[in-house]
C-alpha atoms as a PDB file:
ATOM      1  CA  MET A   1     -26.705  24.420  21.906  1.00  0.00           C
ATOM      2  CA  GLY A   2     -24.462  27.458  22.315  1.00  0.00           C
ATOM      3  CA  ILE A   3     -22.622  25.791  25.202  1.00  0.00           C
ATOM      4  CA  ARG A   4     -21.924  22.687  23.111  1.00  0.00           C
ATOM      5  CA  VAL A   5     -20.612  24.750  20.193  1.00  0.00           C
ATOM      6  CA  PHE A   6     -18.370  26.674  22.569  1.00  0.00           C
ATOM      7  CA  SER A   7     -17.156  23.418  24.129  1.00  0.00           C
ATOM      8  CA  PHE A   8     -16.395  21.987  20.698  1.00  0.00           C
ATOM      9  CA  LEU A   9     -14.317  25.056  19.713  1.00  0.00           C
ATOM     10  CA  VAL A  10     -12.407  24.942  22.993  1.00  0.00           C
ATOM     11  CA  ALA A  11     -11.717  21.261  22.430  1.00  0.00           C
ATOM     12  CA  LEU A  12     -10.276  21.916  18.983  1.00  0.00           C
ATOM     13  CA  LEU A  13      -7.945  24.581  20.352  1.00  0.00           C
ATOM     14  CA  LEU A  14      -6.746  22.490  23.265  1.00  0.00           C
ATOM     15  CA  LEU A  15      -6.115  19.370  21.223  1.00  0.00           C
ATOM     16  CA  ALA A  16      -3.570  20.811  18.775  1.00  0.00           C
ATOM     17  CA  SER A  17      -0.837  18.835  20.536  1.00  0.00           C
ATOM     18  CA  PRO A  18      -0.775  15.306  22.032  1.00  0.00           C
ATOM     19  CA  ILE A  19      -2.426  14.849  25.395  1.00  0.00           C
ATOM     20  CA  VAL A  20      -1.259  12.353  27.979  1.00  0.00           C
ATOM     21  CA  GLN A  21      -3.472   9.299  27.991  1.00  0.00           C
ATOM     22  CA  VAL A  22      -5.710   8.686  30.966  1.00  0.00           C
ATOM     23  CA  VAL A  23      -6.067   5.380  32.741  1.00  0.00           C
ATOM     24  CA  ARG A  24      -8.499   3.091  30.976  1.00  0.00           C
ATOM     25  CA  CYS A  25     -11.472   2.179  33.103  1.00  0.00           C
ATOM     26  CA  GLN A  26     -12.702  -0.701  30.987  1.00  0.00           C
ATOM     27  CA  SER A  27     -10.963  -4.029  30.495  1.00  0.00           C
ATOM     28  CA  GLU A  28      -9.572  -4.765  27.040  1.00  0.00           C
ATOM     29  CA  ALA A  29      -9.905  -8.520  27.332  1.00  0.00           C
ATOM     30  CA  ASP A  30     -10.540 -10.495  24.180  1.00  0.00           C
ATOM     31  CA  VAL A  31     -14.176 -11.084  23.376  1.00  0.00           C
ATOM     32  CA  ASP A  32     -14.964 -14.702  24.150  1.00  0.00           C
ATOM     33  CA  ALA A  33     -18.685 -14.296  23.602  1.00  0.00           C
ATOM     34  CA  THR A  34     -18.987 -15.409  20.029  1.00  0.00           C
ATOM     35  CA  GLU A  35     -22.500 -16.814  20.223  1.00  0.00           C
ATOM     36  CA  VAL A  36     -25.053 -14.432  18.731  1.00  0.00           C
ATOM     37  CA  VAL A  37     -28.636 -15.065  19.801  1.00  0.00           C
ATOM     38  CA  GLU A  38     -31.484 -13.642  17.714  1.00  0.00           C
ATOM     39  CA  ARG A  39     -29.411 -10.655  16.605  1.00  0.00           C
ATOM     40  CA  ASP A  40     -31.468  -9.539  13.619  1.00  0.00           C
ATOM     41  CA  ASP A  41     -32.602  -6.307  12.027  1.00  0.00           C
ATOM     42  CA  LEU A  42     -29.690  -4.027  12.854  1.00  0.00           C
ATOM     43  CA  GLY A  43     -30.575  -0.350  12.379  1.00  0.00           C
ATOM     44  CA  ILE A  44     -28.782   2.996  12.628  1.00  0.00           C
ATOM     45  CA  VAL A  45     -30.745   6.158  13.345  1.00  0.00           C
ATOM     46  CA  GLY A  46     -29.929   9.803  13.790  1.00  0.00           C
ATOM     47  CA  ASP A  47     -26.694  11.662  13.019  1.00  0.00           C
ATOM     48  CA  GLU A  48     -23.523  12.788  14.756  1.00  0.00           C
ATOM     49  CA  THR A  49     -25.268  15.463  16.820  1.00  0.00           C
ATOM     50  CA  GLN A  50     -28.147  13.354  18.070  1.00  0.00           C
ATOM     51  CA  VAL A  51     -29.273  13.903  21.658  1.00  0.00           C
ATOM     52  CA  PHE A  52     -30.046  10.635  23.422  1.00  0.00           C
ATOM     53  CA  GLY A  53     -33.211  10.389  25.485  1.00  0.00           C
ATOM     54  CA  TYR A  54     -32.598   7.369  27.693  1.00  0.00           C
ATOM     55  CA  GLY A  55     -31.722   9.445  30.730  1.00  0.00           C
ATOM     56  CA  THR A  56     -29.732   8.103  33.662  1.00  0.00           C
ATOM     57  CA  LEU A  57     -29.972   4.329  33.959  1.00  0.00           C
ATOM     58  CA  SER A  58     -28.056   1.929  36.163  1.00  0.00           C
ATOM     59  CA  PRO A  59     -26.465  -1.388  35.124  1.00  0.00           C
ATOM     60  CA  ALA A  60     -28.295  -4.582  35.886  1.00  0.00           C
ATOM     61  CA  SER A  61     -26.806  -7.100  38.276  1.00  0.00           C
ATOM     62  CA  GLY A  62     -25.540 -10.253  36.647  1.00  0.00           C
ATOM     63  CA  VAL A  63     -24.793  -8.574  33.295  1.00  0.00           C
ATOM     64  CA  ASP A  64     -21.164  -8.252  32.242  1.00  0.00           C
ATOM     65  CA  THR A  65     -19.836  -6.464  29.150  1.00  0.00           C
ATOM     66  CA  ILE A  66     -16.486  -6.537  27.408  1.00  0.00           C
ATOM     67  CA  CYS A  67     -15.330  -5.028  24.119  1.00  0.00           C
ATOM     68  CA  LEU A  68     -12.717  -5.424  21.420  1.00  0.00           C
ATOM     69  CA  PHE A  69     -11.398  -3.262  18.574  1.00  0.00           C
ATOM     70  CA  PRO A  70     -11.043  -5.928  15.844  1.00  0.00           C
ATOM     71  CA  LYS A  71      -7.742  -5.669  13.934  1.00  0.00           C
ATOM     72  CA  ASN A  72      -7.133  -2.312  15.604  1.00  0.00           C
ATOM     73  CA  ALA A  73      -5.115  -2.863  18.764  1.00  0.00           C
ATOM     74  CA  ALA A  74      -3.788   0.722  18.648  1.00  0.00           C
ATOM     75  CA  LYS A  75      -7.377   2.073  18.716  1.00  0.00           C
ATOM     76  CA  LEU A  76      -6.798   4.427  15.790  1.00  0.00           C
ATOM     77  CA  VAL A  77      -9.962   6.129  14.549  1.00  0.00           C
ATOM     78  CA  PRO A  78      -9.650   7.822  11.116  1.00  0.00           C
ATOM     79  CA  THR A  79     -11.825  10.903  10.801  1.00  0.00           C
ATOM     80  CA  GLY A  80     -14.889  10.461   8.625  1.00  0.00           C
ATOM     81  CA  GLU A  81     -14.469   6.679   8.405  1.00  0.00           C
ATOM     82  CA  VAL A  82     -16.502   3.974  10.111  1.00  0.00           C
ATOM     83  CA  THR A  83     -14.820   2.241  13.045  1.00  0.00           C
ATOM     84  CA  GLU A  84     -16.217  -0.955  14.539  1.00  0.00           C
ATOM     85  CA  ILE A  85     -16.188  -2.212  18.111  1.00  0.00           C
ATOM     86  CA  LEU A  86     -17.357  -5.697  19.081  1.00  0.00           C
ATOM     87  CA  VAL A  87     -19.300  -5.689  22.339  1.00  0.00           C
ATOM     88  CA  GLY A  88     -19.741  -8.931  24.239  1.00  0.00           C
ATOM     89  CA  MET A  89     -22.514  -9.438  26.787  1.00  0.00           C
ATOM     90  CA  HIS A  90     -22.832 -12.209  29.365  1.00  0.00           C
ATOM     91  CA  ASN A  91     -26.247 -12.581  30.957  1.00  0.00           C
ATOM     92  CA  GLU A  92     -25.897 -14.369  34.277  1.00  0.00           C
ATOM     93  CA  GLY A  93     -29.357 -13.335  35.441  1.00  0.00           C
ATOM     94  CA  LYS A  94     -32.568 -15.332  35.566  1.00  0.00           C
ATOM     95  CA  SER A  95     -34.422 -13.535  32.762  1.00  0.00           C
ATOM     96  CA  THR A  96     -33.889 -12.887  29.075  1.00  0.00           C
ATOM     97  CA  LEU A  97     -32.086  -9.659  28.222  1.00  0.00           C
ATOM     98  CA  ASN A  98     -33.320  -7.564  25.284  1.00  0.00           C
ATOM     99  CA  VAL A  99     -30.740  -5.210  23.700  1.00  0.00           C
ATOM    100  CA  ILE A 100     -32.281  -1.879  22.718  1.00  0.00           C
ATOM    101  CA  ALA A 101     -29.469   0.374  21.520  1.00  0.00           C
ATOM    102  CA  MET A 102     -25.803   1.374  21.752  1.00  0.00           C
ATOM    103  CA  TYR A 103     -24.363   4.862  21.589  1.00  0.00           C
ATOM    104  CA  GLY A 104     -21.137   6.668  22.330  1.00  0.00           C
ATOM    105  CA  SER A 105     -19.558  10.068  22.858  1.00  0.00           C
ATOM    106  CA  LEU A 106     -16.126  11.671  22.664  1.00  0.00           C
ATOM    107  CA  HIS A 107     -14.752  13.764  25.519  1.00  0.00           C
ATOM    108  CA  LEU A 108     -11.569  15.549  26.458  1.00  0.00           C
ATOM    109  CA  PRO A 109      -9.298  13.152  28.376  1.00  0.00           C
ATOM    110  CA  PHE A 110      -8.727  15.531  31.275  1.00  0.00           C
ATOM    111  CA  ASP A 111     -12.377  16.563  31.645  1.00  0.00           C
ATOM    112  CA  HIS A 112     -15.311  14.329  30.728  1.00  0.00           C
ATOM    113  CA  HIS A 113     -17.659  17.264  31.193  1.00  0.00           C
ATOM    114  CA  MET A 114     -16.197  18.721  27.985  1.00  0.00           C
ATOM    115  CA  LEU A 115     -18.248  16.926  25.327  1.00  0.00           C
ATOM    116  CA  VAL A 116     -16.531  16.920  21.943  1.00  0.00           C
ATOM    117  CA  GLN A 117     -18.933  14.856  19.843  1.00  0.00           C
ATOM    118  CA  ASN A 118     -22.038  12.715  20.245  1.00  0.00           C
ATOM    119  CA  LEU A 119     -21.537   9.596  18.161  1.00  0.00           C
ATOM    120  CA  THR A 120     -24.242   7.842  16.194  1.00  0.00           C
ATOM    121  CA  MET A 121     -26.833   5.882  18.137  1.00  0.00           C
ATOM    122  CA  GLN A 122     -27.352   2.346  16.870  1.00  0.00           C
ATOM    123  CA  GLU A 123     -30.630   0.587  17.597  1.00  0.00           C
ATOM    124  CA  PHE A 124     -31.341  -3.148  17.637  1.00  0.00           C
ATOM    125  CA  PHE A 125     -34.613  -4.920  16.972  1.00  0.00           C
ATOM    126  CA  ASN A 126     -35.371  -8.430  18.196  1.00  0.00           C
ATOM    127  CA  ALA A 127     -31.896  -8.763  19.710  1.00  0.00           C
ATOM    128  CA  SER A 128     -31.991 -10.810  22.884  1.00  0.00           C
ATOM    129  CA  VAL A 129     -29.651 -12.737  25.162  1.00  0.00           C
ATOM    130  CA  PRO A 130     -31.263 -15.537  27.190  1.00  0.00           C
ATOM    131  CA  PHE A 131     -30.195 -16.099  30.787  1.00  0.00           C
ATOM    132  CA  SER A 132     -26.871 -17.918  31.235  1.00  0.00           C
ATOM    133  CA  ALA A 133     -25.965 -17.097  27.618  1.00  0.00           C
ATOM    134  CA  GLN A 134     -23.485 -14.882  25.785  1.00  0.00           C
ATOM    135  CA  ALA A 135     -23.779 -12.736  22.676  1.00  0.00           C
ATOM    136  CA  THR A 136     -21.658 -10.359  20.613  1.00  0.00           C
ATOM    137  CA  PHE A 137     -22.949  -7.139  19.054  1.00  0.00           C
ATOM    138  CA  PRO A 138     -21.126  -4.694  16.739  1.00  0.00           C
ATOM    139  CA  TYR A 139     -21.097  -0.975  17.351  1.00  0.00           C
ATOM    140  CA  LYS A 140     -20.118   1.220  14.424  1.00  0.00           C
ATOM    141  CA  PHE A 141     -19.329   4.914  14.696  1.00  0.00           C
ATOM    142  CA  ALA A 142     -17.448   7.638  12.851  1.00  0.00           C
ATOM    143  CA  ALA A 143     -15.534  10.612  14.210  1.00  0.00           C
ATOM    144  CA  SER A 144     -16.309  13.895  12.506  1.00  0.00           C
ATOM    145  CA  LYS A 145     -14.108  14.655   9.508  1.00  0.00           C
ATOM    146  CA  PHE A 146     -13.628  18.150  10.936  1.00  0.00           C
ATOM    147  CA  LEU A 147     -12.235  16.828  14.229  1.00  0.00           C
ATOM    148  CA  GLN A 148      -8.629  17.700  15.030  1.00  0.00           C
ATOM    149  CA  SER A 149      -6.270  14.740  15.298  1.00  0.00           C
ATOM    150  CA  GLY A 150      -5.317  13.818  18.841  1.00  0.00           C
ATOM    151  CA  LEU A 151      -6.293  11.793  21.892  1.00  0.00           C
ATOM    152  CA  PHE A 152      -9.884  11.635  23.078  1.00  0.00           C
ATOM    153  CA  ASP A 153     -11.831   9.601  25.600  1.00  0.00           C
ATOM    154  CA  LEU A 154     -14.529   7.371  24.114  1.00  0.00           C
ATOM    155  CA  VAL A 155     -17.464   6.409  26.314  1.00  0.00           C
ATOM    156  CA  GLY A 156     -19.578   3.615  24.846  1.00  0.00           C
ATOM    157  CA  THR A 157     -22.912   2.621  26.405  1.00  0.00           C
ATOM    158  CA  ILE A 158     -25.332  -0.241  25.729  1.00  0.00           C
ATOM    159  CA  VAL A 159     -29.008   0.025  26.713  1.00  0.00           C
ATOM    160  CA  TYR A 160     -31.010  -3.135  27.396  1.00  0.00           C
ATOM    161  CA  GLU A 161     -34.216  -4.262  29.017  1.00  0.00           C
ATOM    162  CA  ILE A 162     -34.941  -7.020  31.536  1.00  0.00           C
ATOM    163  CA  ASP A 163     -38.522  -7.756  32.601  1.00  0.00           C
ATOM    164  CA  GLN A 164     -39.690  -4.453  31.069  1.00  0.00           C
ATOM    165  CA  GLN A 165     -37.116  -2.549  33.141  1.00  0.00           C
ATOM    166  CA  ARG A 166     -34.448  -0.619  31.288  1.00  0.00           C
ATOM    167  CA  TYR A 167     -30.778  -0.652  32.236  1.00  0.00           C
ATOM    168  CA  GLN A 168     -27.529   0.511  30.712  1.00  0.00           C
ATOM    169  CA  SER A 169     -23.891  -0.536  31.015  1.00  0.00           C
ATOM    170  CA  VAL A 170     -20.714   1.230  29.903  1.00  0.00           C
ATOM    171  CA  PHE A 171     -18.878  -1.226  27.658  1.00  0.00           C
ATOM    172  CA  TYR A 172     -15.890   1.052  27.006  1.00  0.00           C
ATOM    173  CA  ASN A 173     -14.472   4.067  28.794  1.00  0.00           C
ATOM    174  CA  GLY A 174     -10.944   4.789  27.600  1.00  0.00           C
ATOM    175  CA  THR A 175      -8.653   6.676  25.293  1.00  0.00           C
ATOM    176  CA  ILE A 176      -8.620   6.450  21.508  1.00  0.00           C
ATOM    177  CA  GLU A 177      -6.486   8.307  18.968  1.00  0.00           C
ATOM    178  CA  VAL A 178      -8.212  10.194  16.187  1.00  0.00           C
ATOM    179  CA  VAL A 179      -6.078  10.464  13.037  1.00  0.00           C
ATOM    180  CA  GLU A 180      -6.565  12.217   9.725  1.00  0.00           C
ATOM    181  CA  THR A 181      -7.975  10.045   6.978  1.00  0.00           C
ATOM    182  CA  GLY A 182      -5.320   9.097   4.444  1.00  0.00           C
ATOM    183  CA  GLY A 183      -2.853  11.487   6.026  1.00  0.00           C
ATOM    184  CA  PHE A 184       0.735  10.326   5.609  1.00  0.00           C
ATOM    185  CA  LEU A 185       2.002  12.499   8.426  1.00  0.00           C
ATOM    186  CA  SER A 186       0.195  14.036  11.362  1.00  0.00           C
ATOM    187  CA  ILE A 187       0.738  17.627  12.443  1.00  0.00           C
ATOM    188  CA  GLU A 188       3.048  16.459  15.232  1.00  0.00           C
ATOM    189  CA  SER A 189       5.048  14.318  12.805  1.00  0.00           C
ATOM    190  CA  VAL A 190       5.424  17.213  10.363  1.00  0.00           C
ATOM    191  CA  PHE A 191       6.636  19.430  13.204  1.00  0.00           C
ATOM    192  CA  LEU A 192       9.197  16.861  14.355  1.00  0.00           C
ATOM    193  CA  VAL A 193      10.453  16.268  10.805  1.00  0.00           C
ATOM    194  CA  THR A 194      10.771  20.026  10.214  1.00  0.00           C
ATOM    195  CA  LEU A 195      12.590  20.507  13.518  1.00  0.00           C
ATOM    196  CA  GLY A 196      14.980  17.659  12.723  1.00  0.00           C
ATOM    197  CA  ALA A 197      15.721  19.066   9.263  1.00  0.00           C
ATOM    198  CA  ALA A 198      16.401  22.509  10.776  1.00  0.00           C
ATOM    199  CA  LEU A 199      18.802  21.057  13.349  1.00  0.00           C
ATOM    200  CA  ILE A 200      20.643  19.086  10.676  1.00  0.00           C
ATOM    201  CA  GLY A 201      20.919  22.245   8.548  1.00  0.00           C
ATOM    202  CA  LEU A 202      22.307  24.275  11.453  1.00  0.00           C
ATOM    203  CA  PHE A 203      24.841  21.557  12.237  1.00  0.00           C
ATOM    204  CA  GLY A 204      25.918  21.490   8.582  1.00  0.00           C
ATOM    205  CA  LEU A 205      26.436  25.277   8.546  1.00  0.00           C
ATOM    206  CA  TRP A 206      28.459  25.096  11.777  1.00  0.00           C
ATOM    207  CA  ALA A 207      30.661  22.289  10.413  1.00  0.00           C
ATOM    208  CA  TYR A 208      31.192  24.188   7.148  1.00  0.00           C
ATOM    209  CA  GLY A 209      32.231  27.301   9.083  1.00  0.00           C
ATOM    210  CA  GLN A 210      34.722  25.304  11.137  1.00  0.00           C
ATOM    211  CA  ILE A 211      36.264  23.810   7.986  1.00  0.00           C
ATOM    212  CA  GLN A 212      36.557  27.234   6.367  1.00  0.00           C
ATOM    213  CA  ARG A 213      38.179  28.696   9.473  1.00  0.00           C
ATOM    214  CA  PHE A 214      40.717  25.886   9.658  1.00  0.00           C
ATOM    215  CA  SER A 215      41.505  26.256   5.957  1.00  0.00           C
ATOM    216  CA  LYS A 216      42.153  30.016   6.334  1.00  0.00           C
ATOM    217  CA  LYS A 217      44.503  29.439   9.262  1.00  0.00           C
ATOM    218  CA  THR A 218      46.479  26.921   7.216  1.00  0.00           C
ATOM    219  CA  LYS A 219      46.860  29.310   4.263  1.00  0.00           C
ATOM    220  CA  SER A 220      47.891  32.307   6.414  1.00  0.00           C
ATOM    221  CA  MET A 221      50.590  30.409   8.348  1.00  0.00           C
ATOM    222  CA  PRO A 222      54.096  31.902   7.411  1.00  0.00           C
ATOM    223  CA  LYS A 223      56.620  29.612   5.792  1.00  0.00           C
ATOM    224  CA  VAL A 224      59.758  28.936   7.886  1.00  0.00           C
ATOM    225  CA  GLU A 225      62.974  28.819   5.863  1.00  0.00           C
ATOM    226  CA  VAL A 226      65.703  26.605   7.227  1.00  0.00           C
ATOM    227  CA  GLY A 227      68.997  28.473   6.985  1.00  0.00           C
ATOM    228  CA  THR A 228      72.445  26.964   6.366  1.00  0.00           C
ATOM    229  CA  ARG A 229      74.574  29.524   8.144  1.00  0.00           C
ATOM    230  CA  ALA A 230      74.567  27.789  11.482  1.00  0.00           C
ATOM    231  CA  ALA A 231      75.275  24.448   9.810  1.00  0.00           C
ATOM    232  CA  ASP A 232      78.229  26.000   7.883  1.00  0.00           C
ATOM    233  CA  ALA A 233      79.634  27.475  11.080  1.00  0.00           C
ATOM    234  CA  ASN A 234      79.442  24.159  12.851  1.00  0.00           C
ATOM    235  CA  MET A 235      81.073  22.447   9.853  1.00  0.00           C
ATOM    236  CA  ASP A 236      83.992  24.946   9.895  1.00  0.00           C
ATOM    237  CA  GLU A 237      84.602  24.334  13.595  1.00  0.00           C
ATOM    238  CA  TRP A 238      84.593  20.571  13.090  1.00  0.00           C
ATOM    239  CA  LEU A 239      87.088  20.746  10.145  1.00  0.00           C
ATOM    240  CA  GLN A 240      89.558  23.047  11.850  1.00  0.00           C
ATOM    241  CA  GLY A 241      93.084  21.609  11.889  1.00  0.00           C
ATOM    242  CA  THR A 242      92.407  18.989   9.232  1.00  0.00           C
ATOM    243  CA  ALA A 243      94.108  18.682   5.846  1.00  0.00           C
ATOM    244  CA  TYR A 244      90.830  19.516   4.146  1.00  0.00           C
ATOM    245  CA  ALA A 245      90.630  22.797   6.065  1.00  0.00           C
ATOM    246  CA  GLN A 246      94.221  23.686   5.122  1.00  0.00           C
ATOM    247  CA  SER A 247      93.557  22.994   1.445  1.00  0.00           C
ATOM    248  CA  LEU A 248      90.516  25.250   1.565  1.00  0.00           C
ATOM    249  CA  SER A 249      92.618  27.956   3.232  1.00  0.00           C
ATOM    250  CA  ASN A 250      95.328  27.662   0.546  1.00  0.00           C
ATOM    251  CA  LYS A 251      92.746  27.881  -2.250  1.00  0.00           C
ATOM    252  CA  SER A 252      91.259  31.028  -0.728  1.00  0.00           C
ATOM    253  CA  LYS A 253      94.764  32.619  -0.497  1.00  0.00           C
ATOM    254  CA  LYS A 254      95.585  31.802  -4.117  1.00  0.00           C
ATOM    255  CA  LYS A 255      92.338  33.442  -5.249  1.00  0.00           C
ATOM    256  CA  LYS A 256      93.333  36.591  -3.441  1.00  0.00           C
END
């Protein structure tokens, strides 16, 4: 028990940021098995921390399983809310198959030995699939409301019996994304929005400083006065020897 608690705490610390998805091991093909045969008396037992007692079982030959997240192609699992998976079974054997139970567990994507949460076990009563037939069964589970948002690996297993011999098959082994219930923004989204706002603010301050600096340079620039002395001197040289220049010379002498 102490090891599982320690593993759970380590998982929460390591999953504060997004983790690269691992390669899915199970096909995500659409569920074609829509025929349900004697699927009655669906029951759910235990809680989120239930320990399963089926032991290590092997899959039976001639039994194929596929699964589908209905109306949830992104495989988003809100914490504390029920998520449903449809599991299809195809019995190509020579005997009737009796479905006993389905259960699942959440693990860290980079290490399946790190168990994060045991999901609810769901038992079936009088649920059978005759040979050369198909059937679809729902599996409902809920991630803990205390679980940190992020990527986890979900391993879903179905236990069944053929000729009083028990078998089990993994119907899903892939990555899901756990999100906060009703949360508008995830922690990563809040961080990105905050970072973007900070960068925009810094750019605005830099642009304002540049405008202020340019404005100060414009105000401090000395005014250049255009003098008329050089123009007068050039005008005098150009008028030398003309009648206008002589009249100006006579007027200046009379004033004296």
